[in-house]
Amino acid sequence: MMFFLLLFVCLGTFLRGFHVSSCDANCAEKPVFSPSRLVVQYGDPVSASCSGCRHACLRGPTDLEVSAGVTRQNGSMILWTVDNVTEWDTSAVCYYTDDDGNQCCSKLPVTVYQPPDVVTISFHRTAGPMFVGSYYTLQCEVQNVAPVENLIVTFYKGQEVLSQQQSNNKEKAPVTEVFTFDFRPREDDDGAHLRCEAKLELGPEGPQPLPVVMSQNITITVYSIVHMRQSGAVVHTVNTFLMLLLLSLV
């Protein structure tokens, strides 16, 4: 008995997947989702509804295939609810069969996001003072963020924007990524404050204001050749004075 029950469940799942995979996304009258796009933070609840066609499928069934949650149907209207979103690749496809047996479907775009846990800024393999005109690799590490392709990272010197970057990584689950910028200090950068900002650009359907996490500030010390020469001259003068003082005491 258990074997036939499992077989029935598996067969039902297969047929359901077959209907959705064979549907036409370019048909004239597509199912309509409300809202048309979902942006939800991981762990939060979410809901949407789908309306089947009004004319082309009067006698055909309308259905909704989802990766999580429950559905409730009332005629050609289907309500989808998820108590807490825990799948990074959450999906929903609404479809119907028209009078000619053709499949028609619409896929609801769902973005599951997570703001970064931590954002840090540092210089790669560089410690101590820097020198005017030399290049140094500034790096911004963004930890545990999703989806990373929606992340905008901005490097700042004070209020000045040094660079703005975006990842090409299509991974939906949280990742840690390092962004780099080749920084070439000027003489007047001595004492400047550097930082980086990580912002998730999620569109008008996303949270407002947008999730933003800022790194700590780092203060840089910059030496120029003139400064080094002046420092060397001072040291030489002090050494000469001490030597003369010692000789006078002998």
Protein backbone atom coordinates (compact mmCIF):
# COMPACT_ATOMS: atom_id res chain seq x y z
CA MET A 1 0.00 0.00 0.00
CA MET A 2 2.84 2.38 0.93
CA PHE A 3 4.55 1.64 -2.40
CA PHE A 4 1.46 2.66 -4.43
CA LEU A 5 1.03 5.81 -2.34
CA LEU A 6 4.62 6.88 -3.00
CA LEU A 7 4.22 6.05 -6.67
CA PHE A 8 1.08 8.19 -6.86
CA VAL A 9 2.80 11.17 -5.20
CA CYS A 10 5.85 10.89 -7.49
CA LEU A 11 3.66 10.55 -10.57
CA GLY A 12 1.62 13.59 -9.54
CA THR A 13 4.78 15.64 -9.09
CA PHE A 14 6.09 14.52 -12.48
CA LEU A 15 2.87 15.42 -14.29
CA ARG A 16 2.70 18.80 -12.58
CA GLY A 17 6.27 19.58 -13.65
CA PHE A 18 5.47 18.39 -17.15
CA HIS A 19 2.58 20.86 -17.48
CA VAL A 20 4.70 23.81 -16.41
CA SER A 21 7.78 22.89 -18.42
CA SER A 22 5.75 22.54 -21.60
CA CYS A 23 3.83 25.81 -21.34
CA ASP A 24 4.05 28.77 -23.69
CA ALA A 25 5.35 31.98 -22.11
CA ASN A 26 4.56 33.99 -25.28
CA CYS A 27 0.83 33.29 -25.60
CA ALA A 28 -1.55 36.16 -26.26
CA GLU A 29 -3.34 36.10 -22.91
CA LYS A 30 -1.01 35.22 -20.06
CA PRO A 31 -1.85 34.68 -16.39
CA VAL A 32 -1.31 37.82 -14.32
CA PHE A 33 0.48 37.98 -10.96
CA SER A 34 -0.22 40.61 -8.32
CA PRO A 35 2.22 42.02 -7.41
CA SER A 36 4.16 41.53 -10.66
CA ARG A 37 7.48 41.15 -8.78
CA LEU A 38 8.40 40.14 -5.23
CA VAL A 39 11.38 41.27 -3.16
CA VAL A 40 11.55 39.63 0.27
CA GLN A 41 14.16 39.38 3.01
CA TYR A 42 15.23 35.86 3.94
CA GLY A 43 13.01 34.54 6.74
CA ASP A 44 10.14 37.00 6.15
CA PRO A 45 6.58 36.09 5.04
CA VAL A 46 5.39 36.76 1.52
CA SER A 47 2.20 36.42 -0.54
CA ALA A 48 0.98 36.94 -4.10
CA SER A 49 -2.03 36.09 -6.23
CA CYS A 50 -2.40 34.84 -9.78
CA SER A 51 -5.35 35.40 -12.08
CA GLY A 52 -5.90 33.05 -15.01
CA CYS A 53 -7.11 34.23 -18.38
CA ARG A 54 -10.62 35.64 -18.84
CA HIS A 55 -11.43 34.43 -22.36
CA ALA A 56 -9.05 31.80 -23.75
CA CYS A 57 -9.38 29.32 -20.89
CA LEU A 58 -12.99 29.38 -19.79
CA ARG A 59 -13.11 25.59 -19.69
CA GLY A 60 -9.41 24.89 -18.97
CA PRO A 61 -7.86 24.49 -15.51
CA THR A 62 -5.65 27.18 -13.94
CA ASP A 63 -2.92 26.11 -11.55
CA LEU A 64 0.07 27.49 -9.67
CA GLU A 65 3.36 25.64 -9.16
CA VAL A 66 5.50 26.95 -6.29
CA SER A 67 8.76 25.91 -4.66
CA ALA A 68 7.49 26.58 -1.12
CA GLY A 69 4.40 27.65 0.80
CA VAL A 70 0.73 26.88 0.19
CA THR A 71 -1.83 27.83 -2.45
CA ARG A 72 -5.57 28.41 -2.23
CA GLN A 73 -7.74 28.54 -5.34
CA ASN A 74 -11.03 30.30 -6.03
CA GLY A 75 -12.06 29.85 -9.66
CA SER A 76 -9.29 31.21 -11.85
CA MET A 77 -7.77 33.19 -8.94
CA ILE A 78 -5.04 31.51 -6.86
CA LEU A 79 -3.51 32.92 -3.66
CA TRP A 80 0.05 31.92 -2.71
CA THR A 81 1.40 32.44 0.81
CA VAL A 82 4.72 31.58 2.49
CA ASP A 83 5.02 32.02 6.28
CA ASN A 84 8.78 32.47 6.16
CA VAL A 85 10.94 32.34 3.03
CA THR A 86 13.87 29.94 3.51
CA GLU A 87 14.70 29.09 -0.12
CA TRP A 88 17.07 31.40 -1.98
CA ASP A 89 15.72 30.23 -5.34
CA THR A 90 12.03 30.67 -4.50
CA SER A 91 9.80 30.45 -7.56
CA ALA A 92 6.16 30.54 -8.64
CA VAL A 93 4.71 29.68 -12.07
CA CYS A 94 1.06 30.23 -12.90
CA TYR A 95 -0.40 28.40 -15.91
CA TYR A 96 -3.59 27.25 -17.60
CA THR A 97 -4.71 25.02 -20.45
CA ASP A 98 -6.85 26.67 -23.13
CA ASP A 99 -9.70 25.08 -25.10
CA ASP A 100 -7.26 23.79 -27.73
CA GLY A 101 -5.11 22.03 -25.14
CA ASN A 102 -2.28 24.58 -25.30
CA GLN A 103 -0.39 25.56 -22.16
CA CYS A 104 0.12 29.21 -21.23
CA CYS A 105 2.22 30.39 -18.27
CA SER A 106 3.69 33.34 -16.39
CA LYS A 107 6.65 33.22 -13.99
CA LEU A 108 6.72 35.51 -10.97
CA PRO A 109 10.16 37.13 -10.45
CA VAL A 110 11.13 36.59 -6.80
CA THR A 111 14.25 38.13 -5.23
CA VAL A 112 15.27 36.82 -1.82
CA TYR A 113 17.84 39.12 -0.23
CA GLN A 114 20.07 39.37 2.81
CA PRO A 115 22.06 42.49 3.76
CA PRO A 116 25.79 41.99 4.47
CA ASP A 117 26.77 40.82 7.94
CA VAL A 118 30.04 42.77 7.97
CA VAL A 119 31.87 45.15 5.60
CA THR A 120 35.59 45.81 6.14
CA ILE A 121 38.20 47.91 4.33
CA SER A 122 41.96 47.35 4.33
CA PHE A 123 45.11 47.58 2.21
CA HIS A 124 46.34 44.34 0.68
CA ARG A 125 49.82 43.49 2.00
CA THR A 126 50.50 47.09 3.00
CA ALA A 127 51.34 48.31 6.51
CA GLY A 128 52.62 51.63 7.74
CA PRO A 129 52.99 54.88 5.76
CA MET A 130 52.53 55.22 2.01
CA PHE A 131 54.44 57.27 -0.54
CA VAL A 132 53.13 59.77 -3.07
CA GLY A 133 52.77 58.36 -6.58
CA SER A 134 52.96 54.67 -5.61
CA TYR A 135 50.03 52.30 -6.14
CA TYR A 136 48.37 50.42 -3.28
CA THR A 137 45.56 47.85 -3.48
CA LEU A 138 42.60 48.91 -1.42
CA GLN A 139 40.15 46.08 -0.76
CA CYS A 140 36.59 45.97 0.54
CA GLU A 141 35.34 42.63 1.89
CA VAL A 142 31.57 42.13 2.01
CA GLN A 143 30.51 39.12 4.06
CA ASN A 144 27.40 36.96 3.67
CA VAL A 145 25.29 39.01 1.24
CA ALA A 146 22.59 37.92 -1.22
CA PRO A 147 22.03 38.28 -4.07
CA VAL A 148 25.53 39.58 -4.71
CA GLU A 149 24.74 40.67 -8.30
CA ASN A 150 22.46 43.35 -6.80
CA LEU A 151 25.28 44.70 -4.63
CA ILE A 152 26.88 48.08 -5.33
CA VAL A 153 30.21 48.73 -3.58
CA THR A 154 31.53 52.29 -3.36
CA PHE A 155 35.02 53.34 -2.21
CA TYR A 156 35.22 56.77 -0.53
CA LYS A 157 38.00 59.18 0.42
CA GLY A 158 36.22 61.50 2.80
CA GLN A 159 33.10 62.43 0.79
CA GLU A 160 34.80 61.86 -2.58
CA VAL A 161 33.80 58.76 -4.54
CA LEU A 162 36.92 56.90 -5.67
CA SER A 163 35.26 53.91 -7.39
CA GLN A 164 31.90 52.18 -7.71
CA GLN A 165 31.76 48.47 -8.54
CA GLN A 166 29.27 45.64 -9.07
CA SER A 167 29.73 41.87 -9.05
CA ASN A 168 29.09 39.57 -12.02
CA ASN A 169 28.39 36.64 -9.69
CA LYS A 170 24.89 35.17 -10.32
CA GLU A 171 24.79 33.10 -7.12
CA LYS A 172 21.46 33.55 -5.30
CA ALA A 173 22.57 32.24 -1.89
CA PRO A 174 24.75 34.42 0.41
CA VAL A 175 28.43 34.74 -0.51
CA THR A 176 31.47 36.68 0.68
CA GLU A 177 33.18 38.75 -2.00
CA VAL A 178 36.19 41.06 -2.07
CA PHE A 179 36.26 44.19 -4.26
CA THR A 180 39.54 45.97 -5.01
CA PHE A 181 40.68 49.42 -6.09
CA ASP A 182 44.20 50.60 -7.01
CA PHE A 183 44.76 53.69 -4.89
CA ARG A 184 47.50 56.17 -5.76
CA PRO A 185 47.89 58.74 -2.96
CA ARG A 186 48.68 62.40 -3.49
CA GLU A 187 50.66 64.59 -1.11
CA ASP A 188 47.50 66.24 0.22
CA ASP A 189 46.01 62.80 1.04
CA ASP A 190 48.06 62.64 4.24
CA GLY A 191 45.55 62.14 7.09
CA ALA A 192 42.67 61.30 4.72
CA HIS A 193 39.90 58.89 5.80
CA LEU A 194 39.06 55.94 3.53
CA ARG A 195 35.98 53.71 3.76
CA CYS A 196 33.71 51.56 1.60
CA GLU A 197 29.93 51.18 1.41
CA ALA A 198 27.91 48.10 0.41
CA LYS A 199 24.37 48.77 -0.84
CA LEU A 200 21.77 46.34 -2.18
CA GLU A 201 19.98 47.83 -5.20
CA LEU A 202 16.63 45.98 -5.13
CA GLY A 203 14.44 48.28 -7.21
CA PRO A 204 11.16 50.01 -6.32
CA GLU A 205 9.68 46.75 -4.99
CA GLY A 206 12.47 46.43 -2.43
CA PRO A 207 12.78 48.04 1.01
CA GLN A 208 13.08 51.81 1.29
CA PRO A 209 15.59 53.05 2.23
CA LEU A 210 17.86 50.50 0.57
CA PRO A 211 19.91 48.19 2.83
CA VAL A 212 23.33 49.87 3.31
CA VAL A 213 26.26 48.66 5.43
CA MET A 214 29.35 50.87 5.90
CA SER A 215 32.89 49.80 6.77
CA GLN A 216 35.08 51.39 9.40
CA ASN A 217 37.26 54.39 8.48
CA ILE A 218 40.99 53.98 8.01
CA THR A 219 43.30 56.99 8.27
CA ILE A 220 46.32 57.02 5.96
CA THR A 221 49.79 58.54 6.38
CA VAL A 222 51.39 59.69 3.13
CA TYR A 223 55.05 60.66 2.68
CA SER A 224 56.47 62.64 -0.22
CA ILE A 225 60.12 62.80 -1.38
CA VAL A 226 60.32 66.40 -0.14
CA HIS A 227 58.99 65.33 3.24
CA MET A 228 61.53 62.51 3.46
CA ARG A 229 64.38 64.86 2.52
CA GLN A 230 63.27 67.37 5.13
CA SER A 231 63.02 64.61 7.73
CA GLY A 232 66.52 63.39 6.79
CA ALA A 233 67.95 66.92 7.11
CA VAL A 234 66.44 67.32 10.59
CA VAL A 235 67.88 63.99 11.73
CA HIS A 236 71.30 64.92 10.34
CA THR A 237 71.23 68.26 12.19
CA VAL A 238 70.25 66.65 15.50
CA ASN A 239 72.97 64.00 15.16
CA THR A 240 75.60 66.67 14.46
CA PHE A 241 74.51 68.72 17.49
CA LEU A 242 74.69 65.69 19.80
CA MET A 243 78.17 64.78 18.52
CA LEU A 244 79.50 68.31 19.15
CA LEU A 245 77.94 68.31 22.61
CA LEU A 246 79.66 65.05 23.51
CA LEU A 247 83.02 66.29 22.24
CA SER A 248 82.72 69.43 24.34
CA LEU A 249 82.22 67.35 27.48
CA VAL A 250 85.33 65.22 26.93
